N, C-alpha and C. Protein backbone atom coordinates (compact mmCIF):
# COMPACT_ATOMS: atom_id res chain seq x y z
N MET A 1 -65.39 53.09 12.54
CA MET A 1 -64.98 52.16 13.56
C MET A 1 -64.57 52.95 14.79
N LYS A 2 -64.95 52.47 15.94
CA LYS A 2 -64.59 53.13 17.19
C LYS A 2 -63.10 52.93 17.45
N THR A 3 -62.57 53.82 18.26
CA THR A 3 -61.15 53.76 18.58
C THR A 3 -60.81 52.45 19.28
N ARG A 4 -61.65 52.05 20.18
CA ARG A 4 -61.39 50.81 20.91
C ARG A 4 -61.35 49.62 19.95
N THR A 5 -62.26 49.55 18.98
CA THR A 5 -62.30 48.46 18.02
C THR A 5 -61.06 48.47 17.15
N ARG A 6 -60.61 49.69 16.73
CA ARG A 6 -59.41 49.80 15.91
C ARG A 6 -58.19 49.33 16.67
N VAL A 7 -58.08 49.67 17.93
CA VAL A 7 -56.92 49.26 18.74
C VAL A 7 -56.90 47.74 18.89
N LEU A 8 -58.05 47.13 19.19
CA LEU A 8 -58.10 45.66 19.36
C LEU A 8 -57.80 44.96 18.04
N THR A 9 -58.35 45.46 16.93
CA THR A 9 -58.09 44.85 15.63
C THR A 9 -56.62 44.98 15.27
N GLY A 10 -56.05 46.17 15.50
CA GLY A 10 -54.63 46.38 15.22
C GLY A 10 -53.74 45.48 16.06
N THR A 11 -54.10 45.32 17.30
CA THR A 11 -53.32 44.46 18.20
C THR A 11 -53.39 43.01 17.73
N ALA A 12 -54.59 42.56 17.35
CA ALA A 12 -54.74 41.18 16.89
C ALA A 12 -53.94 40.95 15.61
N VAL A 13 -53.96 41.92 14.69
CA VAL A 13 -53.19 41.79 13.45
C VAL A 13 -51.70 41.77 13.76
N ALA A 14 -51.24 42.63 14.68
CA ALA A 14 -49.82 42.67 15.04
C ALA A 14 -49.38 41.36 15.68
N VAL A 15 -50.22 40.79 16.54
CA VAL A 15 -49.89 39.51 17.19
C VAL A 15 -49.80 38.41 16.13
N ALA A 16 -50.76 38.36 15.21
CA ALA A 16 -50.76 37.33 14.17
C ALA A 16 -49.53 37.45 13.29
N LEU A 17 -49.18 38.67 12.89
CA LEU A 17 -47.98 38.87 12.06
C LEU A 17 -46.72 38.51 12.83
N GLY A 18 -46.68 38.86 14.10
CA GLY A 18 -45.51 38.54 14.93
C GLY A 18 -45.35 37.04 15.10
N ALA A 19 -46.47 36.34 15.32
CA ALA A 19 -46.40 34.87 15.47
C ALA A 19 -45.94 34.21 14.18
N GLY A 20 -46.44 34.73 13.07
CA GLY A 20 -46.03 34.19 11.78
C GLY A 20 -44.56 34.41 11.53
N ALA A 21 -44.08 35.60 11.86
CA ALA A 21 -42.66 35.90 11.67
C ALA A 21 -41.80 35.04 12.58
N LEU A 22 -42.24 34.88 13.84
CA LEU A 22 -41.48 34.05 14.78
C LEU A 22 -41.44 32.61 14.29
N GLY A 23 -42.57 32.10 13.77
CA GLY A 23 -42.60 30.73 13.24
C GLY A 23 -41.67 30.57 12.05
N ALA A 24 -41.63 31.58 11.20
CA ALA A 24 -40.74 31.51 10.04
C ALA A 24 -39.29 31.51 10.48
N VAL A 25 -38.96 32.35 11.47
CA VAL A 25 -37.58 32.40 11.97
C VAL A 25 -37.23 31.06 12.63
N SER A 26 -38.18 30.50 13.42
CA SER A 26 -37.92 29.22 14.09
C SER A 26 -37.74 28.10 13.08
N ALA A 27 -38.56 28.11 12.04
CA ALA A 27 -38.43 27.06 11.02
C ALA A 27 -37.11 27.16 10.29
N ASN A 28 -36.64 28.38 10.06
CA ASN A 28 -35.36 28.54 9.37
C ASN A 28 -34.18 28.24 10.28
N ALA A 29 -34.40 28.29 11.60
CA ALA A 29 -33.31 28.01 12.53
C ALA A 29 -33.03 26.51 12.63
N ALA A 30 -34.00 25.68 12.24
CA ALA A 30 -33.81 24.23 12.31
C ALA A 30 -32.81 23.80 11.23
N PRO A 31 -32.04 22.74 11.48
CA PRO A 31 -31.11 22.27 10.46
C PRO A 31 -31.86 21.82 9.20
N ALA A 32 -31.21 21.99 8.07
CA ALA A 32 -31.83 21.67 6.79
C ALA A 32 -32.22 20.20 6.71
N SER A 33 -31.43 19.30 7.25
CA SER A 33 -31.76 17.88 7.25
C SER A 33 -31.17 17.24 8.48
N ALA A 34 -31.78 16.15 8.89
CA ALA A 34 -31.28 15.43 10.05
C ALA A 34 -29.93 14.81 9.71
N PRO A 35 -29.05 14.70 10.70
CA PRO A 35 -27.75 14.10 10.42
C PRO A 35 -27.92 12.65 9.97
N ALA A 36 -27.08 12.21 9.10
CA ALA A 36 -27.13 10.84 8.58
C ALA A 36 -26.79 9.86 9.69
N ALA A 37 -27.50 8.73 9.72
CA ALA A 37 -27.23 7.70 10.71
C ALA A 37 -25.88 7.06 10.42
N ALA A 38 -25.25 6.60 11.49
CA ALA A 38 -23.97 5.92 11.32
C ALA A 38 -24.19 4.65 10.50
N PRO A 39 -23.29 4.32 9.61
CA PRO A 39 -23.48 3.11 8.80
C PRO A 39 -23.44 1.86 9.69
N ALA A 40 -24.29 0.91 9.37
CA ALA A 40 -24.33 -0.34 10.12
C ALA A 40 -23.09 -1.17 9.80
N ALA A 41 -22.68 -1.96 10.78
CA ALA A 41 -21.53 -2.84 10.55
C ALA A 41 -21.94 -3.89 9.52
N VAL A 42 -21.08 -4.16 8.60
CA VAL A 42 -21.35 -5.13 7.55
C VAL A 42 -20.28 -6.21 7.60
N ALA A 43 -20.74 -7.46 7.54
CA ALA A 43 -19.79 -8.57 7.54
C ALA A 43 -19.05 -8.60 6.21
N LYS A 44 -17.84 -9.04 6.28
CA LYS A 44 -17.07 -9.21 5.04
C LYS A 44 -17.75 -10.24 4.17
N LYS A 45 -17.61 -10.07 2.88
CA LYS A 45 -18.25 -11.02 1.96
C LYS A 45 -17.71 -12.43 2.12
N ASP A 46 -16.46 -12.56 2.47
CA ASP A 46 -15.89 -13.89 2.61
C ASP A 46 -16.17 -14.48 4.00
N GLY A 47 -16.92 -13.77 4.82
CA GLY A 47 -17.27 -14.27 6.14
C GLY A 47 -16.25 -13.85 7.18
N ASP A 48 -16.72 -13.30 8.24
CA ASP A 48 -15.86 -12.87 9.33
C ASP A 48 -15.95 -13.91 10.44
N LYS A 49 -15.09 -14.88 10.40
CA LYS A 49 -15.16 -16.02 11.31
C LYS A 49 -14.92 -15.64 12.77
N LYS A 50 -14.34 -14.47 13.01
CA LYS A 50 -14.09 -14.04 14.38
C LYS A 50 -15.35 -13.50 15.05
N ASN A 51 -16.30 -13.01 14.28
CA ASN A 51 -17.46 -12.33 14.85
C ASN A 51 -18.79 -13.05 14.68
N PHE A 52 -18.86 -14.06 13.83
CA PHE A 52 -20.13 -14.70 13.54
C PHE A 52 -20.00 -16.22 13.61
N THR A 53 -21.11 -16.87 13.96
CA THR A 53 -21.16 -18.32 13.91
C THR A 53 -22.38 -18.73 13.09
N THR A 54 -22.38 -19.94 12.65
CA THR A 54 -23.51 -20.49 11.92
C THR A 54 -24.09 -21.60 12.77
N THR A 55 -25.40 -21.63 12.90
CA THR A 55 -26.04 -22.68 13.68
C THR A 55 -27.08 -23.40 12.82
N THR A 56 -27.44 -24.59 13.26
CA THR A 56 -28.42 -25.40 12.57
C THR A 56 -29.68 -25.45 13.43
N HIS A 57 -30.82 -25.27 12.78
CA HIS A 57 -32.10 -25.31 13.48
C HIS A 57 -33.07 -26.23 12.75
N LEU A 58 -33.99 -26.82 13.50
CA LEU A 58 -35.05 -27.61 12.89
C LEU A 58 -36.06 -26.66 12.25
N THR A 59 -36.60 -27.07 11.13
CA THR A 59 -37.70 -26.31 10.54
C THR A 59 -38.98 -26.64 11.32
N ILE A 60 -39.99 -25.82 11.16
CA ILE A 60 -41.27 -26.11 11.80
C ILE A 60 -41.84 -27.42 11.27
N ASP A 61 -41.61 -27.69 9.99
CA ASP A 61 -42.08 -28.95 9.39
C ASP A 61 -41.41 -30.15 10.05
N ALA A 62 -40.10 -30.08 10.23
CA ALA A 62 -39.37 -31.19 10.86
C ALA A 62 -39.80 -31.37 12.31
N ALA A 63 -39.96 -30.27 13.03
CA ALA A 63 -40.38 -30.35 14.43
C ALA A 63 -41.78 -30.96 14.54
N THR A 64 -42.65 -30.59 13.63
CA THR A 64 -44.02 -31.13 13.64
C THR A 64 -44.01 -32.62 13.31
N ARG A 65 -43.18 -33.03 12.33
CA ARG A 65 -43.07 -34.46 11.99
C ARG A 65 -42.58 -35.26 13.19
N ALA A 66 -41.57 -34.73 13.89
CA ALA A 66 -41.02 -35.43 15.05
C ALA A 66 -42.08 -35.56 16.15
N ALA A 67 -42.78 -34.47 16.41
CA ALA A 67 -43.81 -34.49 17.46
C ALA A 67 -44.93 -35.46 17.09
N GLN A 68 -45.36 -35.44 15.85
CA GLN A 68 -46.44 -36.33 15.42
C GLN A 68 -46.01 -37.79 15.49
N ALA A 69 -44.77 -38.08 15.11
CA ALA A 69 -44.26 -39.46 15.18
C ALA A 69 -44.23 -39.95 16.62
N ALA A 70 -43.82 -39.09 17.54
CA ALA A 70 -43.79 -39.48 18.96
C ALA A 70 -45.21 -39.71 19.47
N LEU A 71 -46.12 -38.83 19.11
CA LEU A 71 -47.51 -38.98 19.54
C LEU A 71 -48.13 -40.24 18.95
N ASP A 72 -47.85 -40.52 17.68
CA ASP A 72 -48.36 -41.74 17.04
C ASP A 72 -47.83 -42.99 17.73
N ALA A 73 -46.54 -42.99 18.09
CA ALA A 73 -45.95 -44.15 18.78
C ALA A 73 -46.65 -44.39 20.12
N ALA A 74 -46.95 -43.31 20.83
CA ALA A 74 -47.64 -43.44 22.12
C ALA A 74 -49.07 -43.94 21.93
N GLU A 75 -49.74 -43.42 20.92
CA GLU A 75 -51.13 -43.83 20.68
C GLU A 75 -51.21 -45.30 20.28
N GLN A 76 -50.19 -45.81 19.58
CA GLN A 76 -50.17 -47.23 19.21
C GLN A 76 -50.13 -48.12 20.44
N GLU A 77 -49.63 -47.58 21.55
CA GLU A 77 -49.57 -48.35 22.80
C GLU A 77 -50.61 -47.86 23.79
N ASN A 78 -51.62 -47.15 23.27
CA ASN A 78 -52.73 -46.65 24.09
C ASN A 78 -52.29 -45.76 25.24
N GLN A 79 -51.27 -44.96 24.99
CA GLN A 79 -50.78 -44.03 26.01
C GLN A 79 -51.24 -42.61 25.66
N LYS A 80 -51.63 -41.87 26.67
CA LYS A 80 -52.12 -40.50 26.50
C LYS A 80 -51.01 -39.56 26.95
N VAL A 81 -50.34 -38.95 25.98
CA VAL A 81 -49.16 -38.14 26.29
C VAL A 81 -49.23 -36.78 25.61
N THR A 82 -48.31 -35.93 26.04
CA THR A 82 -48.04 -34.66 25.38
C THR A 82 -46.61 -34.72 24.88
N VAL A 83 -46.39 -34.16 23.69
CA VAL A 83 -45.05 -34.12 23.08
C VAL A 83 -44.67 -32.67 22.84
N ALA A 84 -43.45 -32.33 23.21
CA ALA A 84 -42.94 -30.98 22.94
C ALA A 84 -41.61 -31.09 22.22
N VAL A 85 -41.39 -30.18 21.28
CA VAL A 85 -40.11 -30.08 20.57
C VAL A 85 -39.61 -28.66 20.79
N VAL A 86 -38.38 -28.55 21.30
CA VAL A 86 -37.77 -27.24 21.55
C VAL A 86 -36.54 -27.07 20.67
N ASP A 87 -36.17 -25.82 20.40
CA ASP A 87 -34.96 -25.56 19.62
C ASP A 87 -33.73 -25.59 20.52
N ARG A 88 -32.58 -25.30 19.96
CA ARG A 88 -31.31 -25.36 20.68
C ARG A 88 -31.29 -24.45 21.91
N ASN A 89 -32.06 -23.37 21.84
CA ASN A 89 -32.10 -22.42 22.96
C ASN A 89 -33.20 -22.74 23.96
N GLY A 90 -33.91 -23.84 23.75
CA GLY A 90 -34.96 -24.23 24.67
C GLY A 90 -36.30 -23.60 24.40
N ASN A 91 -36.43 -22.88 23.29
CA ASN A 91 -37.71 -22.27 22.92
C ASN A 91 -38.59 -23.32 22.26
N THR A 92 -39.83 -23.36 22.66
CA THR A 92 -40.75 -24.35 22.12
C THR A 92 -41.06 -24.07 20.65
N ILE A 93 -40.88 -25.08 19.83
CA ILE A 93 -41.22 -24.98 18.41
C ILE A 93 -42.66 -25.47 18.21
N VAL A 94 -42.96 -26.64 18.78
CA VAL A 94 -44.29 -27.22 18.64
C VAL A 94 -44.60 -28.09 19.86
N THR A 95 -45.87 -28.09 20.26
CA THR A 95 -46.33 -28.98 21.32
C THR A 95 -47.63 -29.62 20.86
N LEU A 96 -47.72 -30.93 20.97
CA LEU A 96 -48.95 -31.65 20.65
C LEU A 96 -49.43 -32.35 21.91
N ARG A 97 -50.63 -32.03 22.32
CA ARG A 97 -51.22 -32.67 23.50
C ARG A 97 -52.21 -33.71 23.00
N GLY A 98 -51.90 -34.97 23.28
CA GLY A 98 -52.76 -36.05 22.84
C GLY A 98 -54.09 -36.04 23.58
N ASP A 99 -55.10 -36.62 22.96
CA ASP A 99 -56.41 -36.72 23.59
C ASP A 99 -56.29 -37.44 24.93
N GLY A 100 -56.81 -36.82 25.96
CA GLY A 100 -56.81 -37.42 27.29
C GLY A 100 -55.52 -37.28 28.08
N ALA A 101 -54.51 -36.58 27.54
CA ALA A 101 -53.25 -36.40 28.28
C ALA A 101 -53.52 -35.54 29.52
N GLY A 102 -52.85 -35.88 30.60
CA GLY A 102 -53.03 -35.16 31.86
C GLY A 102 -52.54 -33.72 31.79
N PRO A 103 -53.09 -32.86 32.65
CA PRO A 103 -52.71 -31.44 32.62
C PRO A 103 -51.24 -31.19 32.95
N GLN A 104 -50.64 -32.05 33.75
CA GLN A 104 -49.23 -31.88 34.11
C GLN A 104 -48.30 -32.23 32.96
N SER A 105 -48.80 -32.97 31.97
CA SER A 105 -47.93 -33.46 30.91
C SER A 105 -47.43 -32.36 29.99
N TYR A 106 -48.18 -31.28 29.85
CA TYR A 106 -47.79 -30.20 28.94
C TYR A 106 -46.46 -29.58 29.36
N GLU A 107 -46.40 -29.10 30.58
CA GLU A 107 -45.16 -28.47 31.07
C GLU A 107 -44.04 -29.50 31.23
N SER A 108 -44.38 -30.70 31.67
CA SER A 108 -43.36 -31.73 31.85
C SER A 108 -42.68 -32.08 30.53
N ALA A 109 -43.44 -32.19 29.45
CA ALA A 109 -42.86 -32.50 28.15
C ALA A 109 -41.90 -31.40 27.71
N GLN A 110 -42.30 -30.15 27.90
CA GLN A 110 -41.42 -29.04 27.52
C GLN A 110 -40.13 -29.04 28.34
N ARG A 111 -40.26 -29.28 29.63
CA ARG A 111 -39.08 -29.28 30.49
C ARG A 111 -38.15 -30.45 30.19
N LYS A 112 -38.70 -31.60 29.85
CA LYS A 112 -37.86 -32.74 29.47
C LYS A 112 -37.11 -32.45 28.17
N ALA A 113 -37.80 -31.86 27.20
CA ALA A 113 -37.15 -31.51 25.93
C ALA A 113 -36.04 -30.49 26.18
N TYR A 114 -36.30 -29.49 27.00
CA TYR A 114 -35.31 -28.46 27.32
C TYR A 114 -34.09 -29.09 28.00
N THR A 115 -34.33 -29.99 28.93
CA THR A 115 -33.24 -30.64 29.66
C THR A 115 -32.38 -31.48 28.71
N ALA A 116 -33.03 -32.22 27.82
CA ALA A 116 -32.29 -33.08 26.88
C ALA A 116 -31.40 -32.25 25.95
N VAL A 117 -31.92 -31.16 25.41
CA VAL A 117 -31.11 -30.35 24.49
C VAL A 117 -30.02 -29.59 25.25
N SER A 118 -30.31 -29.19 26.47
CA SER A 118 -29.32 -28.43 27.25
C SER A 118 -28.07 -29.24 27.55
N TRP A 119 -28.25 -30.53 27.82
CA TRP A 119 -27.10 -31.38 28.15
C TRP A 119 -26.75 -32.34 27.03
N ASN A 120 -27.46 -32.30 25.92
CA ASN A 120 -27.19 -33.17 24.78
C ASN A 120 -27.15 -34.64 25.20
N ALA A 121 -28.15 -35.01 26.01
CA ALA A 121 -28.22 -36.39 26.48
C ALA A 121 -29.68 -36.71 26.81
N PRO A 122 -30.04 -37.99 26.70
CA PRO A 122 -31.39 -38.39 27.11
C PRO A 122 -31.59 -38.09 28.61
N THR A 123 -32.81 -37.71 28.96
CA THR A 123 -33.05 -37.33 30.36
C THR A 123 -32.94 -38.52 31.30
N SER A 124 -33.11 -39.74 30.81
CA SER A 124 -32.94 -40.91 31.69
C SER A 124 -31.48 -41.02 32.13
N VAL A 125 -30.55 -40.70 31.24
CA VAL A 125 -29.12 -40.71 31.58
C VAL A 125 -28.83 -39.60 32.59
N LEU A 126 -29.42 -38.44 32.34
CA LEU A 126 -29.20 -37.29 33.23
C LEU A 126 -29.79 -37.53 34.61
N ALA A 127 -30.92 -38.24 34.67
CA ALA A 127 -31.53 -38.53 35.97
C ALA A 127 -30.57 -39.35 36.84
N GLY A 128 -29.79 -40.21 36.21
CA GLY A 128 -28.80 -41.00 36.94
C GLY A 128 -27.67 -40.15 37.52
N ARG A 129 -27.42 -39.00 36.92
CA ARG A 129 -26.36 -38.11 37.41
C ARG A 129 -26.75 -37.34 38.67
N LEU A 130 -28.02 -37.36 39.01
CA LEU A 130 -28.47 -36.63 40.20
C LEU A 130 -27.84 -37.17 41.48
N ALA A 131 -27.48 -38.46 41.49
CA ALA A 131 -26.86 -39.03 42.69
C ALA A 131 -25.53 -38.34 42.99
N GLN A 132 -24.77 -38.00 41.94
CA GLN A 132 -23.48 -37.33 42.13
C GLN A 132 -23.63 -35.81 42.25
N ALA A 133 -24.65 -35.25 41.62
CA ALA A 133 -24.83 -33.78 41.62
C ALA A 133 -26.30 -33.45 41.83
N PRO A 134 -26.80 -33.57 43.07
CA PRO A 134 -28.22 -33.36 43.33
C PRO A 134 -28.71 -31.93 43.02
N ASN A 135 -27.79 -30.97 42.96
CA ASN A 135 -28.20 -29.58 42.67
C ASN A 135 -28.67 -29.40 41.24
N LEU A 136 -28.37 -30.35 40.34
CA LEU A 136 -28.82 -30.23 38.95
C LEU A 136 -30.32 -29.97 38.87
N LYS A 137 -31.07 -30.61 39.75
CA LYS A 137 -32.52 -30.47 39.71
C LYS A 137 -32.98 -29.06 40.05
N ASP A 138 -32.10 -28.24 40.59
CA ASP A 138 -32.46 -26.87 40.96
C ASP A 138 -32.32 -25.88 39.80
N ILE A 139 -31.82 -26.32 38.68
CA ILE A 139 -31.67 -25.43 37.53
C ILE A 139 -33.06 -25.16 36.95
N PRO A 140 -33.43 -23.90 36.83
CA PRO A 140 -34.78 -23.57 36.35
C PRO A 140 -35.09 -24.16 34.97
N GLY A 141 -36.32 -24.66 34.83
CA GLY A 141 -36.79 -25.16 33.55
C GLY A 141 -36.43 -26.60 33.24
N THR A 142 -35.66 -27.24 34.11
CA THR A 142 -35.22 -28.61 33.83
C THR A 142 -36.12 -29.62 34.53
N LEU A 143 -36.11 -30.84 34.02
CA LEU A 143 -36.82 -31.94 34.64
C LEU A 143 -36.03 -33.21 34.36
N PHE A 144 -35.51 -33.81 35.41
CA PHE A 144 -34.64 -34.98 35.27
C PHE A 144 -35.43 -36.27 35.48
N LEU A 145 -36.34 -36.51 34.55
CA LEU A 145 -37.10 -37.75 34.49
C LEU A 145 -37.00 -38.27 33.06
N GLY A 146 -37.03 -39.56 32.89
CA GLY A 146 -36.98 -40.12 31.55
C GLY A 146 -38.08 -39.56 30.66
N GLY A 147 -37.75 -39.35 29.38
CA GLY A 147 -38.76 -38.86 28.45
C GLY A 147 -38.27 -37.76 27.53
N GLY A 148 -37.02 -37.33 27.69
CA GLY A 148 -36.46 -36.30 26.82
C GLY A 148 -35.29 -36.85 26.04
N THR A 149 -35.22 -36.52 24.76
CA THR A 149 -34.14 -36.99 23.89
C THR A 149 -33.64 -35.84 23.03
N PRO A 150 -32.32 -35.66 22.93
CA PRO A 150 -31.82 -34.58 22.08
C PRO A 150 -31.87 -34.95 20.60
N VAL A 151 -31.98 -33.93 19.76
CA VAL A 151 -31.85 -34.08 18.32
C VAL A 151 -30.48 -33.50 17.99
N GLN A 152 -29.66 -34.27 17.27
CA GLN A 152 -28.29 -33.84 16.98
C GLN A 152 -28.07 -33.65 15.48
N ALA A 153 -27.18 -32.73 15.18
CA ALA A 153 -26.68 -32.54 13.82
C ALA A 153 -25.17 -32.48 13.95
N ASP A 154 -24.48 -33.41 13.34
CA ASP A 154 -23.02 -33.51 13.44
C ASP A 154 -22.56 -33.59 14.90
N GLY A 155 -23.31 -34.31 15.72
CA GLY A 155 -22.96 -34.52 17.12
C GLY A 155 -23.32 -33.38 18.05
N ALA A 156 -23.78 -32.28 17.52
CA ALA A 156 -24.16 -31.13 18.35
C ALA A 156 -25.67 -31.10 18.54
N PRO A 157 -26.14 -30.71 19.73
CA PRO A 157 -27.59 -30.65 19.95
C PRO A 157 -28.20 -29.46 19.21
N VAL A 158 -29.29 -29.73 18.49
CA VAL A 158 -29.99 -28.66 17.78
C VAL A 158 -31.44 -28.54 18.21
N ALA A 159 -31.95 -29.55 18.93
CA ALA A 159 -33.33 -29.53 19.41
C ALA A 159 -33.49 -30.63 20.45
N GLY A 160 -34.64 -30.64 21.08
CA GLY A 160 -34.96 -31.69 22.03
C GLY A 160 -36.41 -32.09 21.86
N VAL A 161 -36.68 -33.39 22.03
CA VAL A 161 -38.05 -33.90 21.99
C VAL A 161 -38.35 -34.42 23.39
N GLY A 162 -39.44 -33.94 23.96
CA GLY A 162 -39.85 -34.37 25.29
C GLY A 162 -41.25 -34.95 25.26
N VAL A 163 -41.44 -36.04 25.98
CA VAL A 163 -42.75 -36.69 26.07
C VAL A 163 -43.07 -36.90 27.54
N ALA A 164 -44.32 -36.63 27.90
CA ALA A 164 -44.76 -36.84 29.28
C ALA A 164 -46.19 -37.33 29.28
N GLY A 165 -46.48 -38.18 30.25
CA GLY A 165 -47.84 -38.66 30.43
C GLY A 165 -47.99 -40.16 30.50
N ALA A 166 -47.01 -40.89 29.97
CA ALA A 166 -47.07 -42.36 30.07
C ALA A 166 -46.77 -42.75 31.52
N PRO A 167 -47.10 -43.96 31.90
CA PRO A 167 -46.89 -44.35 33.30
C PRO A 167 -45.43 -44.49 33.73
N SER A 168 -44.50 -44.45 32.78
CA SER A 168 -43.08 -44.52 33.17
C SER A 168 -42.24 -43.64 32.25
N GLY A 169 -41.12 -43.19 32.79
CA GLY A 169 -40.18 -42.41 32.00
C GLY A 169 -39.59 -43.21 30.86
N ASP A 170 -39.47 -44.52 31.06
CA ASP A 170 -38.93 -45.38 29.99
C ASP A 170 -39.84 -45.34 28.76
N LEU A 171 -41.16 -45.40 28.99
CA LEU A 171 -42.09 -45.33 27.87
C LEU A 171 -42.06 -43.94 27.22
N ASP A 172 -42.05 -42.90 28.05
CA ASP A 172 -41.98 -41.54 27.52
C ASP A 172 -40.76 -41.39 26.62
N GLU A 173 -39.63 -41.90 27.09
CA GLU A 173 -38.39 -41.77 26.32
C GLU A 173 -38.42 -42.60 25.04
N LYS A 174 -39.04 -43.75 25.10
CA LYS A 174 -39.21 -44.60 23.91
C LYS A 174 -39.98 -43.81 22.83
N PHE A 175 -41.02 -43.10 23.25
CA PHE A 175 -41.82 -42.32 22.29
C PHE A 175 -41.05 -41.10 21.79
N ALA A 176 -40.28 -40.48 22.67
CA ALA A 176 -39.46 -39.34 22.24
C ALA A 176 -38.43 -39.78 21.21
N LYS A 177 -37.85 -40.95 21.43
CA LYS A 177 -36.86 -41.48 20.47
C LYS A 177 -37.52 -41.76 19.13
N ALA A 178 -38.77 -42.21 19.14
CA ALA A 178 -39.49 -42.44 17.88
C ALA A 178 -39.64 -41.12 17.13
N GLY A 179 -39.82 -40.03 17.86
CA GLY A 179 -39.88 -38.71 17.22
C GLY A 179 -38.57 -38.32 16.59
N VAL A 180 -37.48 -38.54 17.31
CA VAL A 180 -36.15 -38.22 16.78
C VAL A 180 -35.84 -39.09 15.58
N ASP A 181 -36.17 -40.39 15.68
CA ASP A 181 -35.91 -41.31 14.56
C ASP A 181 -36.67 -40.92 13.30
N ALA A 182 -37.84 -40.30 13.45
CA ALA A 182 -38.61 -39.89 12.28
C ALA A 182 -37.91 -38.83 11.46
N LEU A 183 -37.00 -38.12 12.07
CA LEU A 183 -36.25 -37.08 11.35
C LEU A 183 -35.20 -37.67 10.44
N ALA A 184 -34.79 -38.91 10.69
CA ALA A 184 -33.77 -39.56 9.88
C ALA A 184 -34.36 -40.15 8.60
N LYS A 185 -35.66 -40.20 8.52
CA LYS A 185 -36.31 -40.82 7.36
C LYS A 185 -36.45 -39.84 6.22
């Protein structure tokens, strides 16, 4: 082997051994195991009434039954509507758009349901309050037209049913009430 070849081979071997040794030292410098995570807070078995609350929510089955009952009531009167059911926080659980319902009815039904559950009152009653407090209509996501009815459990709002698309808010609200009434059966 030529001297130049021996020097290059020796250098390559020395670099490889050095890298291996450095890797071994680096690996040994790392901690043996990651520190344990802090334990999560755990509620007392008997319930910690200061830190937690219990809420009631509609099941998807109940929300669907209510929406279908409202849609059926509207169809019996040849009305083309959309029905929305929202939870206590205003999140949509289910929306049924009837055949031929107008494009504006989808959002209107959701907003009526949200408004009804937010104030725990039918939207026709709330629409009457606009005379004393016209700024209510400026609250995002609300719609103060007849057609929204709250769903209550022990007097507290747990959901809202909103209907839109009939020629009057009175009819929309009649159909929304039919949806709420179906939950009592």
